[in-house]
Protein backbone atom coordinates (compact mmCIF):
# COMPACT_ATOMS: atom_id res chain seq x y z
CA MET A 1 11.20 13.96 22.94
CA ASN A 2 11.38 10.36 21.73
CA ASN A 3 10.53 8.99 18.32
CA ILE A 4 7.78 6.42 18.23
CA ARG A 5 6.14 4.24 15.59
CA LEU A 6 2.44 3.68 14.92
CA THR A 7 1.10 0.79 12.87
CA LYS A 8 -2.36 0.40 11.40
CA LYS A 9 -3.61 -2.83 9.80
CA PHE A 10 -5.82 -2.96 6.70
CA ARG A 11 -7.45 -5.71 4.64
CA PHE A 12 -8.45 -5.78 1.02
CA GLU A 13 -9.26 -8.32 -1.66
CA GLY A 14 -7.60 -8.32 -5.03
CA ALA A 15 -6.71 -10.42 -8.03
CA HIS A 16 -3.70 -10.37 -10.28
CA ALA A 17 -1.82 -12.38 -12.88
CA LEU A 18 1.93 -12.30 -13.38
CA ILE A 19 2.26 -12.07 -17.13
CA GLY A 20 5.23 -14.06 -18.42
CA TYR A 21 5.78 -15.81 -15.09
CA ASP A 22 6.85 -19.46 -15.28
CA GLY A 23 4.60 -20.75 -12.47
CA LYS A 24 0.93 -20.97 -11.51
CA CYS A 25 0.74 -17.24 -10.70
CA ARG A 26 0.70 -16.47 -14.42
CA HIS A 27 -3.02 -17.28 -14.20
CA ILE A 28 -5.53 -14.80 -12.80
CA HIS A 29 -6.00 -15.56 -9.12
CA GLY A 30 -7.03 -13.72 -5.98
CA HIS A 31 -5.60 -12.84 -2.60
CA SER A 32 -6.92 -11.59 0.71
CA TYR A 33 -4.23 -8.97 1.27
CA LEU A 34 -3.25 -7.80 4.72
CA LEU A 35 -1.45 -4.44 4.79
CA PHE A 36 0.45 -2.96 7.72
CA VAL A 37 1.39 0.71 7.45
CA THR A 38 3.89 2.00 10.01
CA ILE A 39 4.68 5.67 10.47
CA SER A 40 7.21 7.26 12.79
CA GLY A 41 7.68 10.63 14.40
CA LYS A 42 7.65 12.56 17.63
CA PRO A 43 4.34 12.88 19.47
CA SER A 44 3.03 16.45 19.56
CA ASN A 45 3.48 18.45 22.73
CA HIS A 46 0.70 21.02 22.56
CA ALA A 47 -1.55 20.77 25.61
CA LYS A 48 -4.39 22.78 24.02
CA ASN A 49 -4.42 20.68 20.84
CA PRO A 50 -6.99 17.83 20.89
CA LYS A 51 -4.34 15.63 19.21
CA ASP A 52 -1.77 16.33 21.94
CA GLY A 53 0.59 13.41 22.46
CA MET A 54 0.01 11.94 18.98
CA ILE A 55 2.14 11.63 15.88
CA MET A 56 -1.03 11.23 13.85
CA ASP A 57 -4.54 10.24 14.82
CA PHE A 58 -5.21 6.57 13.97
CA GLY A 59 -8.48 7.69 12.38
CA ALA A 60 -6.68 10.15 10.11
CA LEU A 61 -4.17 7.47 9.09
CA LYS A 62 -7.04 5.07 8.36
CA GLU A 63 -8.81 7.68 6.25
CA LEU A 64 -5.64 8.45 4.27
CA VAL A 65 -4.74 4.81 3.58
CA ASN A 66 -8.34 3.98 2.66
CA LYS A 67 -8.41 6.84 0.15
CA ILE A 68 -4.99 6.21 -1.41
CA ILE A 69 -4.74 2.41 -1.34
CA ILE A 70 -7.77 0.48 -0.13
CA GLU A 71 -10.50 2.14 -2.22
CA PRO A 72 -8.60 1.99 -5.53
CA PHE A 73 -7.17 -1.52 -5.00
CA ASP A 74 -9.93 -3.42 -3.17
CA HIS A 75 -11.71 -5.99 -5.37
CA THR A 76 -9.59 -4.94 -8.32
CA LEU A 77 -7.81 -7.00 -10.97
CA LEU A 78 -4.20 -5.84 -11.19
CA LEU A 79 -2.33 -6.44 -14.42
CA ARG A 80 0.65 -5.29 -16.39
CA THR A 81 -0.47 -5.74 -19.97
CA ASP A 82 -0.67 -4.25 -23.43
CA ALA A 83 -2.99 -1.36 -24.32
CA MET A 84 -5.39 -3.38 -26.48
CA LEU A 85 -6.04 -6.05 -23.85
CA ALA A 86 -6.26 -3.37 -21.15
CA ALA A 87 -8.95 -1.48 -23.07
CA GLU A 88 -10.97 -4.68 -23.59
CA LEU A 89 -10.74 -5.68 -19.93
CA GLN A 90 -11.60 -2.20 -18.66
CA ASN A 91 -14.55 -2.16 -21.06
CA ARG A 92 -15.95 -5.41 -19.66
CA TYR A 93 -15.08 -5.04 -15.98
CA GLN A 94 -15.13 -1.96 -13.78
CA ASN A 95 -12.26 -2.73 -11.44
CA VAL A 96 -9.26 -3.42 -13.65
CA LEU A 97 -6.11 -1.49 -12.88
CA ILE A 98 -3.33 -1.59 -15.44
CA LEU A 99 0.02 -0.96 -13.80
CA PRO A 100 3.38 -0.05 -15.34
CA PHE A 101 4.98 -2.90 -13.36
CA GLN A 102 4.44 -6.58 -12.63
CA PRO A 103 1.88 -6.63 -9.76
CA THR A 104 3.97 -8.73 -7.40
CA CYS A 105 3.77 -8.31 -3.65
CA GLU A 106 7.20 -6.62 -3.75
CA GLN A 107 6.24 -4.13 -6.44
CA LEU A 108 2.95 -3.33 -4.71
CA CYS A 109 4.87 -2.48 -1.51
CA ILE A 110 7.11 -0.09 -3.44
CA HIS A 111 4.11 1.46 -5.18
CA PHE A 112 2.12 1.87 -1.95
CA ALA A 113 5.12 3.55 -0.30
CA SER A 114 5.44 5.97 -3.21
CA LEU A 115 1.75 6.88 -2.87
CA LEU A 116 1.67 7.22 0.93
CA ALA A 117 4.96 8.88 1.85
CA PRO A 118 4.24 12.25 0.21
CA ALA A 119 0.63 12.30 1.49
CA LEU A 120 1.51 12.08 5.19
CA PRO A 121 1.47 15.19 7.37
CA GLU A 122 4.78 16.81 8.35
CA SER A 123 4.61 15.24 11.81
CA ALA A 124 4.73 11.70 10.38
CA LYS A 125 7.19 9.85 8.20
CA LEU A 126 6.48 6.56 6.45
CA PHE A 127 8.60 3.98 8.27
CA SER A 128 7.50 0.73 6.61
CA ILE A 129 4.94 -1.13 4.56
CA ARG A 130 4.28 -4.83 5.12
CA LEU A 131 1.99 -6.57 2.65
CA TYR A 132 0.82 -10.14 3.19
CA GLU A 133 -0.24 -11.89 0.02
CA THR A 134 -1.02 -15.12 1.88
CA PRO A 135 -1.12 -15.81 5.64
CA ASP A 136 2.52 -16.91 5.57
CA SER A 137 4.06 -14.85 2.74
CA PHE A 138 4.73 -11.12 2.79
CA ALA A 139 6.97 -8.40 1.42
CA GLU A 140 8.28 -5.41 3.34
CA TRP A 141 9.46 -1.94 2.37
CA PHE A 142 11.48 0.14 4.85
CA ALA A 143 12.26 3.83 4.40
CA SER A 144 15.73 3.27 5.88
CA ASP A 145 16.54 0.77 3.10
CA ASN A 146 15.54 3.32 0.46
CA GLU A 147 17.00 6.61 1.72
CA ASN A 148 19.61 6.80 -1.06
CA ASP A 149 17.07 6.00 -3.78
CA GLU A 150 15.37 9.42 -3.62
């Protein structure tokens, strides 16, 4: 049976600041992120299974990505900062996420892949993540580019 890829598109709003950056993005600013999650695998071949012919139900993929990425990151301020500032921000605002990395589009792709890949069912493998930060700027993560990193 052939391998196939499925892609589901998601949207979320977020803000970040790139601490120490030498351009305008060092200031807190927002993005309307567009996320494409692509999985690959072989469609099931079980005639009595209601999911026959699928790698994974689109609804199940949506539920998983919403739980792992969209809910925690939507309308959230993403920062890499010191503990004192983090505590003050989290005290004043509910949706502040302090990350152990600079919250660039590239690093978010890597992080999202690390969250999603182990959560997928056996029938599906994470193939790629594409994250648009603006309508014409995006970063991509591909499993094939990272096979030796594990």
